[in-house]
N, C-alpha and C. Protein backbone atom coordinates (compact mmCIF):
# COMPACT_ATOMS: atom_id res chain seq x y z
N VAL A 1 4.69 11.16 -13.96
CA VAL A 1 5.98 11.45 -14.58
C VAL A 1 6.50 10.18 -15.25
N ALA A 2 6.83 10.27 -16.53
CA ALA A 2 7.36 9.11 -17.26
C ALA A 2 8.80 8.86 -16.85
N LEU A 3 9.15 7.60 -16.63
CA LEU A 3 10.50 7.18 -16.28
C LEU A 3 11.03 6.25 -17.37
N PRO A 4 12.34 6.00 -17.38
CA PRO A 4 12.87 5.05 -18.36
C PRO A 4 12.31 3.65 -18.15
N HIS A 5 12.47 2.81 -19.16
CA HIS A 5 12.11 1.38 -19.10
C HIS A 5 10.61 1.16 -18.88
N GLY A 6 9.78 2.03 -19.46
CA GLY A 6 8.34 1.80 -19.42
C GLY A 6 7.74 1.90 -18.04
N ARG A 7 8.20 2.86 -17.25
CA ARG A 7 7.67 3.04 -15.90
C ARG A 7 7.16 4.46 -15.72
N PHE A 8 6.26 4.61 -14.76
CA PHE A 8 5.73 5.93 -14.42
C PHE A 8 5.85 6.14 -12.92
N GLN A 9 6.12 7.38 -12.53
CA GLN A 9 6.10 7.75 -11.12
C GLN A 9 4.81 8.51 -10.84
N VAL A 10 4.08 8.04 -9.85
CA VAL A 10 2.82 8.67 -9.45
C VAL A 10 3.01 9.20 -8.04
N SER A 11 2.93 10.52 -7.86
CA SER A 11 3.13 11.15 -6.55
C SER A 11 1.82 11.76 -6.09
N ILE A 12 1.47 11.50 -4.83
CA ILE A 12 0.21 11.99 -4.28
C ILE A 12 0.49 12.59 -2.91
N ALA A 13 0.11 13.84 -2.70
CA ALA A 13 0.21 14.49 -1.40
C ALA A 13 -1.20 14.76 -0.91
N ALA A 14 -1.47 14.42 0.34
CA ALA A 14 -2.82 14.58 0.88
C ALA A 14 -2.74 14.66 2.40
N PRO A 15 -3.75 15.27 3.03
CA PRO A 15 -3.81 15.21 4.49
C PRO A 15 -3.83 13.75 4.94
N ASP A 16 -2.99 13.42 5.91
CA ASP A 16 -2.91 12.03 6.34
C ASP A 16 -4.18 11.63 7.09
N GLN A 17 -4.58 10.40 6.89
CA GLN A 17 -5.73 9.84 7.60
C GLN A 17 -5.59 8.33 7.60
N PRO A 18 -6.24 7.66 8.58
CA PRO A 18 -6.12 6.21 8.64
C PRO A 18 -6.55 5.54 7.32
N GLY A 19 -5.73 4.62 6.86
CA GLY A 19 -6.07 3.86 5.65
C GLY A 19 -5.77 4.55 4.34
N LEU A 20 -5.16 5.75 4.37
CA LEU A 20 -4.90 6.48 3.13
C LEU A 20 -4.01 5.69 2.18
N PHE A 21 -2.91 5.15 2.69
CA PHE A 21 -1.99 4.40 1.83
C PHE A 21 -2.68 3.19 1.21
N ALA A 22 -3.53 2.51 1.98
CA ALA A 22 -4.27 1.37 1.46
C ALA A 22 -5.18 1.79 0.32
N VAL A 23 -5.88 2.91 0.49
CA VAL A 23 -6.78 3.40 -0.56
C VAL A 23 -6.00 3.69 -1.85
N LEU A 24 -4.86 4.36 -1.72
CA LEU A 24 -4.08 4.70 -2.91
C LEU A 24 -3.60 3.44 -3.62
N ALA A 25 -3.10 2.47 -2.85
CA ALA A 25 -2.63 1.21 -3.45
C ALA A 25 -3.79 0.46 -4.10
N GLY A 26 -4.96 0.47 -3.46
CA GLY A 26 -6.12 -0.23 -4.00
C GLY A 26 -6.62 0.40 -5.29
N VAL A 27 -6.64 1.71 -5.34
CA VAL A 27 -7.11 2.39 -6.56
C VAL A 27 -6.16 2.12 -7.72
N LEU A 28 -4.85 2.15 -7.48
CA LEU A 28 -3.89 1.85 -8.55
C LEU A 28 -4.07 0.42 -9.05
N ALA A 29 -4.27 -0.52 -8.14
CA ALA A 29 -4.49 -1.92 -8.54
C ALA A 29 -5.78 -2.06 -9.34
N LEU A 30 -6.81 -1.35 -8.92
CA LEU A 30 -8.10 -1.41 -9.60
C LEU A 30 -7.98 -0.93 -11.05
N HIS A 31 -7.05 -0.02 -11.30
CA HIS A 31 -6.85 0.52 -12.65
C HIS A 31 -5.70 -0.18 -13.38
N ASP A 32 -5.37 -1.40 -12.93
CA ASP A 32 -4.38 -2.25 -13.61
C ASP A 32 -2.98 -1.65 -13.65
N LEU A 33 -2.65 -0.85 -12.65
CA LEU A 33 -1.29 -0.31 -12.58
C LEU A 33 -0.50 -1.16 -11.59
N ASN A 34 0.43 -1.93 -12.11
CA ASN A 34 1.24 -2.81 -11.29
C ASN A 34 2.27 -1.98 -10.53
N ILE A 35 2.21 -2.01 -9.19
CA ILE A 35 3.10 -1.20 -8.35
C ILE A 35 4.43 -1.94 -8.21
N LEU A 36 5.50 -1.30 -8.68
CA LEU A 36 6.83 -1.90 -8.60
C LEU A 36 7.56 -1.45 -7.34
N SER A 37 7.33 -0.22 -6.92
CA SER A 37 7.92 0.26 -5.68
C SER A 37 7.08 1.42 -5.17
N ALA A 38 7.23 1.69 -3.89
CA ALA A 38 6.47 2.80 -3.29
C ALA A 38 7.18 3.27 -2.04
N GLU A 39 7.04 4.55 -1.77
CA GLU A 39 7.51 5.11 -0.51
C GLU A 39 6.44 6.04 0.00
N VAL A 40 6.20 5.97 1.29
CA VAL A 40 5.24 6.89 1.92
C VAL A 40 5.97 7.59 3.04
N LEU A 41 5.82 8.89 3.08
CA LEU A 41 6.43 9.71 4.12
C LEU A 41 5.32 10.53 4.78
N THR A 42 5.37 10.61 6.09
CA THR A 42 4.37 11.37 6.83
C THR A 42 5.09 12.32 7.77
N TRP A 43 4.65 13.57 7.80
CA TRP A 43 5.23 14.49 8.76
C TRP A 43 4.21 15.52 9.20
N LYS A 44 4.47 16.12 10.37
CA LYS A 44 3.58 17.15 10.89
C LYS A 44 3.79 18.43 10.09
N ARG A 45 2.71 19.21 9.98
CA ARG A 45 2.84 20.49 9.28
C ARG A 45 3.70 21.44 10.11
N PRO A 46 4.42 22.34 9.44
CA PRO A 46 5.25 23.30 10.18
C PRO A 46 4.39 24.19 11.07
N ALA A 47 5.01 24.74 12.09
CA ALA A 47 4.31 25.64 13.00
C ALA A 47 3.71 26.80 12.21
N GLY A 48 2.50 27.15 12.55
CA GLY A 48 1.82 28.24 11.85
C GLY A 48 0.92 27.77 10.72
N TRP A 49 1.08 26.51 10.31
CA TRP A 49 0.20 25.96 9.27
C TRP A 49 -0.99 25.30 9.94
N SER A 50 -2.14 25.44 9.34
CA SER A 50 -3.33 24.81 9.91
C SER A 50 -3.46 23.38 9.39
N GLY A 51 -4.20 22.56 10.13
CA GLY A 51 -4.45 21.19 9.70
C GLY A 51 -3.50 20.19 10.34
N GLY A 52 -3.75 18.91 10.04
CA GLY A 52 -2.97 17.83 10.63
C GLY A 52 -1.79 17.44 9.77
N PRO A 53 -1.25 16.24 10.00
CA PRO A 53 -0.08 15.77 9.26
C PRO A 53 -0.37 15.61 7.76
N ILE A 54 0.70 15.67 7.00
CA ILE A 54 0.62 15.50 5.54
C ILE A 54 1.33 14.20 5.17
N ALA A 55 0.73 13.46 4.25
CA ALA A 55 1.36 12.24 3.72
C ALA A 55 1.73 12.49 2.26
N VAL A 56 2.92 12.08 1.90
CA VAL A 56 3.34 12.11 0.50
C VAL A 56 3.67 10.68 0.10
N ASP A 57 2.93 10.18 -0.88
CA ASP A 57 3.09 8.81 -1.34
C ASP A 57 3.62 8.84 -2.77
N VAL A 58 4.70 8.13 -3.00
CA VAL A 58 5.33 8.09 -4.32
C VAL A 58 5.35 6.63 -4.79
N PHE A 59 4.64 6.35 -5.87
CA PHE A 59 4.56 4.99 -6.42
C PHE A 59 5.28 4.97 -7.76
N VAL A 60 6.02 3.90 -8.01
CA VAL A 60 6.54 3.63 -9.35
C VAL A 60 5.74 2.45 -9.89
N VAL A 61 5.10 2.67 -11.05
CA VAL A 61 4.21 1.65 -11.61
C VAL A 61 4.67 1.30 -13.02
N GLN A 62 4.28 0.10 -13.45
CA GLN A 62 4.55 -0.29 -14.83
C GLN A 62 3.71 0.56 -15.76
N GLU A 63 4.23 0.78 -16.95
CA GLU A 63 3.50 1.58 -17.93
C GLU A 63 2.13 0.98 -18.18
N PRO A 64 1.08 1.82 -18.17
CA PRO A 64 -0.27 1.30 -18.44
C PRO A 64 -0.33 0.63 -19.81
N GLY A 65 -1.34 -0.22 -19.98
CA GLY A 65 -1.50 -0.95 -21.24
C GLY A 65 -1.69 -0.04 -22.44
N GLU A 66 -1.43 -0.57 -23.59
CA GLU A 66 -1.58 0.20 -24.83
C GLU A 66 -3.03 0.58 -25.03
N GLY A 67 -3.23 1.70 -25.71
CA GLY A 67 -4.59 2.13 -26.04
C GLY A 67 -5.23 2.98 -24.96
N LEU A 68 -4.52 3.18 -23.83
CA LEU A 68 -5.09 4.01 -22.77
C LEU A 68 -4.65 5.45 -22.97
N TYR A 69 -5.57 6.36 -22.81
CA TYR A 69 -5.25 7.78 -22.83
C TYR A 69 -4.82 8.16 -21.43
N LEU A 70 -3.55 8.51 -21.27
CA LEU A 70 -3.00 8.69 -19.93
C LEU A 70 -3.72 9.77 -19.14
N GLU A 71 -4.05 10.89 -19.78
CA GLU A 71 -4.71 11.97 -19.03
C GLU A 71 -6.07 11.50 -18.52
N ASP A 72 -6.79 10.73 -19.33
CA ASP A 72 -8.08 10.18 -18.87
C ASP A 72 -7.86 9.21 -17.71
N LEU A 73 -6.81 8.39 -17.80
CA LEU A 73 -6.51 7.43 -16.73
C LEU A 73 -6.22 8.15 -15.42
N TRP A 74 -5.37 9.19 -15.47
CA TRP A 74 -5.04 9.91 -14.22
C TRP A 74 -6.29 10.58 -13.64
N GLN A 75 -7.16 11.09 -14.51
CA GLN A 75 -8.41 11.70 -14.02
C GLN A 75 -9.29 10.66 -13.34
N ARG A 76 -9.39 9.46 -13.93
CA ARG A 76 -10.19 8.39 -13.32
C ARG A 76 -9.61 7.98 -11.97
N ILE A 77 -8.28 7.94 -11.89
CA ILE A 77 -7.63 7.57 -10.63
C ILE A 77 -7.91 8.63 -9.57
N ARG A 78 -7.79 9.91 -9.92
CA ARG A 78 -8.09 10.98 -8.95
C ARG A 78 -9.52 10.87 -8.44
N ARG A 79 -10.44 10.62 -9.36
CA ARG A 79 -11.85 10.52 -8.99
C ARG A 79 -12.08 9.30 -8.09
N ALA A 80 -11.46 8.18 -8.43
CA ALA A 80 -11.64 6.96 -7.64
C ALA A 80 -11.07 7.13 -6.22
N ILE A 81 -9.95 7.82 -6.09
CA ILE A 81 -9.39 8.08 -4.76
C ILE A 81 -10.37 8.89 -3.93
N SER A 82 -10.92 9.94 -4.54
CA SER A 82 -11.90 10.77 -3.83
C SER A 82 -13.11 9.95 -3.42
N TYR A 83 -13.62 9.12 -4.32
CA TYR A 83 -14.80 8.30 -4.02
C TYR A 83 -14.49 7.29 -2.91
N ALA A 84 -13.31 6.66 -2.98
CA ALA A 84 -12.96 5.66 -1.97
C ALA A 84 -12.82 6.30 -0.59
N LEU A 85 -12.25 7.51 -0.53
CA LEU A 85 -12.05 8.18 0.75
C LEU A 85 -13.36 8.70 1.34
N THR A 86 -14.38 8.88 0.50
CA THR A 86 -15.66 9.39 1.00
C THR A 86 -16.75 8.32 1.05
N GLY A 87 -16.35 7.06 0.87
CA GLY A 87 -17.30 5.96 1.00
C GLY A 87 -18.20 5.72 -0.19
N LYS A 88 -17.89 6.33 -1.33
CA LYS A 88 -18.70 6.15 -2.53
C LYS A 88 -18.19 5.00 -3.42
N LEU A 89 -17.05 4.42 -3.04
CA LEU A 89 -16.46 3.32 -3.81
C LEU A 89 -15.92 2.30 -2.82
N SER A 90 -16.36 1.05 -2.95
CA SER A 90 -15.87 -0.04 -2.09
C SER A 90 -14.73 -0.75 -2.79
N LEU A 91 -13.51 -0.50 -2.32
CA LEU A 91 -12.36 -1.15 -2.94
C LEU A 91 -12.35 -2.65 -2.68
N ASP A 92 -12.77 -3.08 -1.49
CA ASP A 92 -12.83 -4.52 -1.20
C ASP A 92 -13.69 -5.23 -2.26
N TYR A 93 -14.87 -4.70 -2.49
CA TYR A 93 -15.81 -5.31 -3.44
C TYR A 93 -15.27 -5.26 -4.86
N ARG A 94 -14.81 -4.09 -5.28
CA ARG A 94 -14.36 -3.92 -6.66
C ARG A 94 -13.12 -4.76 -6.98
N LEU A 95 -12.20 -4.84 -6.03
CA LEU A 95 -11.00 -5.65 -6.27
C LEU A 95 -11.34 -7.14 -6.29
N GLU A 96 -12.27 -7.57 -5.43
CA GLU A 96 -12.67 -8.98 -5.45
C GLU A 96 -13.36 -9.31 -6.78
N GLN A 97 -14.18 -8.39 -7.28
CA GLN A 97 -14.81 -8.57 -8.60
C GLN A 97 -13.74 -8.76 -9.67
N LYS A 98 -12.72 -7.92 -9.60
CA LYS A 98 -11.66 -7.94 -10.61
C LYS A 98 -10.87 -9.26 -10.53
N ARG A 99 -10.58 -9.71 -9.30
CA ARG A 99 -9.82 -10.95 -9.13
C ARG A 99 -10.57 -12.16 -9.66
N THR A 100 -11.89 -12.18 -9.49
CA THR A 100 -12.68 -13.35 -9.85
C THR A 100 -13.30 -13.25 -11.25
N SER A 101 -13.02 -12.17 -11.95
CA SER A 101 -13.56 -12.00 -13.29
C SER A 101 -12.98 -13.06 -14.23
N PRO A 102 -13.81 -13.57 -15.17
CA PRO A 102 -13.27 -14.51 -16.17
C PRO A 102 -12.16 -13.89 -17.02
N LEU A 103 -12.12 -12.56 -17.07
CA LEU A 103 -11.11 -11.87 -17.86
C LEU A 103 -9.81 -11.65 -17.09
N ALA A 104 -9.82 -11.98 -15.80
CA ALA A 104 -8.63 -11.74 -14.97
C ALA A 104 -7.48 -12.61 -15.44
N LEU A 105 -6.30 -12.04 -15.45
CA LEU A 105 -5.11 -12.78 -15.83
C LEU A 105 -4.74 -13.74 -14.71
N ALA A 106 -4.28 -14.91 -15.08
CA ALA A 106 -3.82 -15.87 -14.06
C ALA A 106 -2.58 -15.30 -13.37
N PRO A 107 -2.44 -15.53 -12.06
CA PRO A 107 -1.25 -15.02 -11.37
C PRO A 107 0.02 -15.54 -12.01
N SER A 108 0.96 -14.62 -12.21
CA SER A 108 2.22 -15.02 -12.85
C SER A 108 3.36 -15.18 -11.85
N ALA A 109 3.08 -14.83 -10.60
CA ALA A 109 4.13 -14.91 -9.58
C ALA A 109 4.49 -16.36 -9.28
N PRO A 110 5.78 -16.64 -9.12
CA PRO A 110 6.16 -18.00 -8.76
C PRO A 110 5.67 -18.32 -7.35
N LYS A 111 5.32 -19.58 -7.15
CA LYS A 111 4.90 -20.00 -5.80
C LYS A 111 6.09 -19.85 -4.87
N GLY A 112 5.81 -19.55 -3.65
CA GLY A 112 6.90 -19.41 -2.69
C GLY A 112 6.34 -19.17 -1.31
N ARG A 113 7.22 -19.23 -0.35
CA ARG A 113 6.80 -19.04 1.03
C ARG A 113 6.43 -17.59 1.29
N ARG A 114 5.50 -17.46 2.21
CA ARG A 114 5.16 -16.12 2.71
C ARG A 114 5.85 -15.95 4.05
N LYS A 115 6.49 -14.83 4.24
CA LYS A 115 7.20 -14.57 5.50
C LYS A 115 6.81 -13.19 6.01
N VAL A 116 6.56 -13.11 7.31
CA VAL A 116 6.30 -11.82 7.96
C VAL A 116 7.16 -11.76 9.22
N ARG A 117 7.86 -10.66 9.38
CA ARG A 117 8.68 -10.45 10.57
C ARG A 117 8.30 -9.12 11.20
N VAL A 118 8.06 -9.15 12.51
CA VAL A 118 7.74 -7.93 13.26
C VAL A 118 8.95 -7.63 14.14
N ASP A 119 9.61 -6.51 13.85
CA ASP A 119 10.91 -6.20 14.45
C ASP A 119 10.82 -4.85 15.19
N SER A 120 10.93 -4.90 16.51
CA SER A 120 10.91 -3.67 17.29
C SER A 120 12.29 -3.31 17.83
N GLU A 121 13.32 -3.98 17.33
CA GLU A 121 14.68 -3.74 17.84
C GLU A 121 15.52 -2.88 16.89
N SER A 122 15.28 -2.97 15.59
CA SER A 122 16.17 -2.33 14.62
C SER A 122 16.05 -0.81 14.59
N SER A 123 14.92 -0.27 15.01
CA SER A 123 14.70 1.17 14.98
C SER A 123 14.37 1.67 16.38
N ASP A 124 14.89 2.85 16.71
CA ASP A 124 14.59 3.44 18.02
C ASP A 124 13.17 3.98 18.08
N PHE A 125 12.57 4.24 16.92
CA PHE A 125 11.30 4.97 16.91
C PHE A 125 10.12 4.17 16.38
N TYR A 126 10.39 3.15 15.55
CA TYR A 126 9.30 2.45 14.88
C TYR A 126 9.43 0.93 15.05
N THR A 127 8.32 0.26 14.89
CA THR A 127 8.33 -1.18 14.70
C THR A 127 8.33 -1.44 13.20
N LEU A 128 9.23 -2.31 12.75
CA LEU A 128 9.30 -2.66 11.33
C LEU A 128 8.51 -3.94 11.10
N VAL A 129 7.61 -3.89 10.13
CA VAL A 129 6.86 -5.07 9.72
C VAL A 129 7.33 -5.41 8.31
N GLU A 130 8.03 -6.53 8.18
CA GLU A 130 8.62 -6.92 6.90
C GLU A 130 7.82 -8.09 6.32
N VAL A 131 7.46 -7.96 5.05
CA VAL A 131 6.64 -8.98 4.39
C VAL A 131 7.31 -9.40 3.08
N ALA A 132 7.45 -10.71 2.89
CA ALA A 132 7.91 -11.26 1.61
C ALA A 132 6.88 -12.30 1.18
N ALA A 133 6.42 -12.19 -0.07
CA ALA A 133 5.36 -13.09 -0.53
C ALA A 133 5.26 -13.00 -2.05
N PRO A 134 4.62 -14.02 -2.69
CA PRO A 134 4.33 -13.91 -4.12
C PRO A 134 3.38 -12.74 -4.37
N ASP A 135 3.63 -12.00 -5.44
CA ASP A 135 2.79 -10.85 -5.75
C ASP A 135 1.46 -11.30 -6.36
N ARG A 136 0.44 -10.48 -6.21
CA ARG A 136 -0.86 -10.72 -6.83
C ARG A 136 -1.63 -9.40 -6.85
N LEU A 137 -2.73 -9.38 -7.58
CA LEU A 137 -3.54 -8.17 -7.70
C LEU A 137 -4.06 -7.73 -6.33
N GLY A 138 -3.80 -6.49 -5.98
CA GLY A 138 -4.35 -5.92 -4.75
C GLY A 138 -3.65 -6.34 -3.48
N LEU A 139 -2.49 -6.99 -3.58
CA LEU A 139 -1.81 -7.47 -2.37
C LEU A 139 -1.40 -6.32 -1.47
N LEU A 140 -0.82 -5.27 -2.03
CA LEU A 140 -0.39 -4.14 -1.21
C LEU A 140 -1.59 -3.49 -0.50
N TYR A 141 -2.71 -3.41 -1.20
CA TYR A 141 -3.94 -2.89 -0.58
C TYR A 141 -4.34 -3.76 0.61
N ASP A 142 -4.30 -5.07 0.45
CA ASP A 142 -4.71 -5.97 1.53
C ASP A 142 -3.77 -5.85 2.73
N LEU A 143 -2.47 -5.76 2.48
CA LEU A 143 -1.51 -5.62 3.58
C LEU A 143 -1.71 -4.29 4.32
N ALA A 144 -1.83 -3.21 3.56
CA ALA A 144 -2.00 -1.90 4.19
C ALA A 144 -3.33 -1.81 4.94
N SER A 145 -4.37 -2.43 4.40
CA SER A 145 -5.67 -2.45 5.09
C SER A 145 -5.58 -3.21 6.41
N ALA A 146 -4.82 -4.32 6.40
CA ALA A 146 -4.65 -5.11 7.62
C ALA A 146 -3.93 -4.28 8.68
N LEU A 147 -2.90 -3.56 8.29
CA LEU A 147 -2.17 -2.72 9.24
C LEU A 147 -3.10 -1.66 9.85
N SER A 148 -3.89 -1.03 8.98
CA SER A 148 -4.82 -0.01 9.46
C SER A 148 -5.87 -0.62 10.38
N GLY A 149 -6.37 -1.81 10.02
CA GLY A 149 -7.38 -2.48 10.83
C GLY A 149 -6.87 -2.89 12.20
N LEU A 150 -5.55 -3.06 12.30
CA LEU A 150 -4.93 -3.41 13.58
C LEU A 150 -4.63 -2.18 14.43
N GLY A 151 -5.03 -1.02 13.94
CA GLY A 151 -4.79 0.21 14.69
C GLY A 151 -3.36 0.71 14.63
N LEU A 152 -2.62 0.29 13.60
CA LEU A 152 -1.24 0.72 13.45
C LEU A 152 -1.17 1.96 12.57
N ILE A 153 -0.31 2.88 12.96
CA ILE A 153 -0.12 4.12 12.20
C ILE A 153 1.12 3.96 11.33
N LEU A 154 0.93 4.09 10.02
CA LEU A 154 2.03 3.92 9.06
C LEU A 154 2.77 5.24 8.90
N HIS A 155 4.07 5.22 9.17
CA HIS A 155 4.88 6.43 9.05
C HIS A 155 5.80 6.40 7.83
N LEU A 156 6.20 5.21 7.43
CA LEU A 156 7.09 5.07 6.28
C LEU A 156 6.91 3.68 5.72
N ALA A 157 6.91 3.57 4.41
CA ALA A 157 6.82 2.26 3.77
C ALA A 157 7.83 2.19 2.64
N ARG A 158 8.50 1.07 2.53
CA ARG A 158 9.39 0.82 1.40
C ARG A 158 8.90 -0.46 0.73
N ILE A 159 8.44 -0.30 -0.48
CA ILE A 159 7.78 -1.38 -1.22
C ILE A 159 8.64 -1.73 -2.42
N ALA A 160 8.91 -3.01 -2.62
CA ALA A 160 9.69 -3.43 -3.79
C ALA A 160 9.11 -4.72 -4.34
N THR A 161 9.03 -4.79 -5.68
CA THR A 161 8.56 -6.00 -6.35
C THR A 161 9.64 -6.43 -7.34
N SER A 162 10.02 -7.71 -7.24
CA SER A 162 11.06 -8.23 -8.11
C SER A 162 10.78 -9.69 -8.40
N ALA A 163 10.85 -10.06 -9.68
CA ALA A 163 10.67 -11.45 -10.11
C ALA A 163 9.39 -12.05 -9.55
N GLY A 164 8.31 -11.23 -9.54
CA GLY A 164 7.02 -11.74 -9.11
C GLY A 164 6.84 -11.88 -7.62
N ARG A 165 7.78 -11.34 -6.83
CA ARG A 165 7.65 -11.38 -5.36
C ARG A 165 7.75 -9.98 -4.78
N ILE A 166 7.04 -9.78 -3.68
CA ILE A 166 7.13 -8.49 -3.00
C ILE A 166 8.06 -8.62 -1.80
N HIS A 167 8.74 -7.52 -1.52
CA HIS A 167 9.61 -7.40 -0.34
C HIS A 167 9.29 -6.03 0.25
N ASP A 168 8.36 -6.00 1.18
CA ASP A 168 7.83 -4.74 1.70
C ASP A 168 8.22 -4.56 3.16
N THR A 169 8.54 -3.32 3.51
CA THR A 169 8.83 -2.98 4.90
C THR A 169 7.98 -1.79 5.29
N PHE A 170 7.20 -1.96 6.35
CA PHE A 170 6.32 -0.91 6.86
C PHE A 170 6.85 -0.46 8.23
N TYR A 171 7.03 0.84 8.39
CA TYR A 171 7.48 1.41 9.67
C TYR A 171 6.24 1.94 10.38
N VAL A 172 5.90 1.32 11.49
CA VAL A 172 4.62 1.62 12.14
C VAL A 172 4.80 1.92 13.62
N ARG A 173 3.76 2.54 14.18
CA ARG A 173 3.62 2.70 15.62
C ARG A 173 2.18 2.38 15.98
N GLY A 174 1.95 2.11 17.26
CA GLY A 174 0.59 1.89 17.73
C GLY A 174 -0.17 3.21 17.83
N GLU A 175 -1.45 3.12 18.15
CA GLU A 175 -2.27 4.33 18.28
C GLU A 175 -1.78 5.24 19.39
N ASP A 176 -1.00 4.68 20.33
CA ASP A 176 -0.44 5.48 21.42
C ASP A 176 0.83 6.21 21.00
N GLY A 177 1.24 6.02 19.73
CA GLY A 177 2.44 6.69 19.23
C GLY A 177 3.73 5.98 19.57
N LEU A 178 3.63 4.78 20.13
CA LEU A 178 4.82 4.04 20.56
C LEU A 178 5.03 2.79 19.72
N LYS A 179 6.25 2.25 19.81
CA LYS A 179 6.55 0.98 19.15
C LYS A 179 5.72 -0.14 19.77
N ILE A 180 5.63 -1.24 19.04
CA ILE A 180 4.92 -2.41 19.54
C ILE A 180 5.91 -3.26 20.35
N THR A 181 5.69 -3.34 21.66
CA THR A 181 6.62 -4.09 22.51
C THR A 181 5.98 -5.34 23.12
N ASP A 182 4.67 -5.45 23.03
CA ASP A 182 3.97 -6.60 23.58
C ASP A 182 4.12 -7.79 22.61
N PRO A 183 4.76 -8.88 23.05
CA PRO A 183 4.97 -10.03 22.13
C PRO A 183 3.66 -10.60 21.58
N GLU A 184 2.60 -10.60 22.37
CA GLU A 184 1.32 -11.13 21.89
C GLU A 184 0.76 -10.25 20.77
N ARG A 185 0.89 -8.95 20.93
CA ARG A 185 0.42 -8.03 19.88
C ARG A 185 1.26 -8.22 18.62
N ALA A 186 2.56 -8.36 18.79
CA ALA A 186 3.44 -8.57 17.63
C ALA A 186 3.06 -9.84 16.90
N GLU A 187 2.74 -10.90 17.63
CA GLU A 187 2.36 -12.16 16.99
C GLU A 187 1.02 -12.02 16.27
N GLU A 188 0.09 -11.25 16.85
CA GLU A 188 -1.19 -11.01 16.19
C GLU A 188 -0.99 -10.28 14.86
N ILE A 189 -0.08 -9.30 14.86
CA ILE A 189 0.24 -8.56 13.64
C ILE A 189 0.83 -9.51 12.60
N ARG A 190 1.76 -10.37 13.04
CA ARG A 190 2.41 -11.31 12.11
C ARG A 190 1.38 -12.24 11.47
N LYS A 191 0.49 -12.79 12.29
CA LYS A 191 -0.51 -13.72 11.76
C LYS A 191 -1.50 -13.02 10.83
N ALA A 192 -1.89 -11.81 11.18
CA ALA A 192 -2.84 -11.07 10.34
C ALA A 192 -2.23 -10.75 8.97
N LEU A 193 -0.96 -10.38 8.97
CA LEU A 193 -0.30 -10.07 7.69
C LEU A 193 -0.06 -11.33 6.87
N LEU A 194 0.25 -12.43 7.52
CA LEU A 194 0.39 -13.70 6.78
C LEU A 194 -0.93 -14.07 6.10
N ALA A 195 -2.04 -13.91 6.82
CA ALA A 195 -3.36 -14.21 6.25
C ALA A 195 -3.66 -13.29 5.08
N SER A 196 -3.29 -12.02 5.20
CA SER A 196 -3.56 -11.05 4.12
C SER A 196 -2.70 -11.31 2.90
N ALA A 197 -1.57 -11.97 3.08
CA ALA A 197 -0.63 -12.21 1.96
C ALA A 197 -0.97 -13.45 1.17
N LYS A 198 -2.07 -14.14 1.51
CA LYS A 198 -2.45 -15.35 0.76
C LYS A 198 -2.85 -15.01 -0.66
């Protein structure tokens, strides 16, 4: 959906599965779509419906570069999501190729501190993982992959990019469905996200 000021809204609904949000963010980055904001919502299907939880991910991205046929671009993105979810496309490899390519644009984000806060007090139901860092290609994919690799279940994400910096908040629970209350686990999450934000 085209939005004012050269932006597009990309909405994706799919059966929820571990790492889904990371895959979606990685595919958009791979296709040079700069993610300005994102929200992910997850809920159980209503009684009587078959299947597991549904995730709805809504991304606002910068307008694709000139000369791109939008319908072809969306088709390539749909195909890449399917391939990534079925193991036919390695996002880690492809994004690293893109970052190290001689054609890659130099990072434009201003240098700045990286901050990660793990907060289990502000919400009765979720642990909030807040990340502030300079933006770069594939950063949201790396952060979401780290959360998934730590066994955290993402229930809601609020992603914002402004002046070359990201300000992201992830609402998560552990695999047991509970908030993270162990200080050592919280510190492990903080350190892992700091490493991913480099």
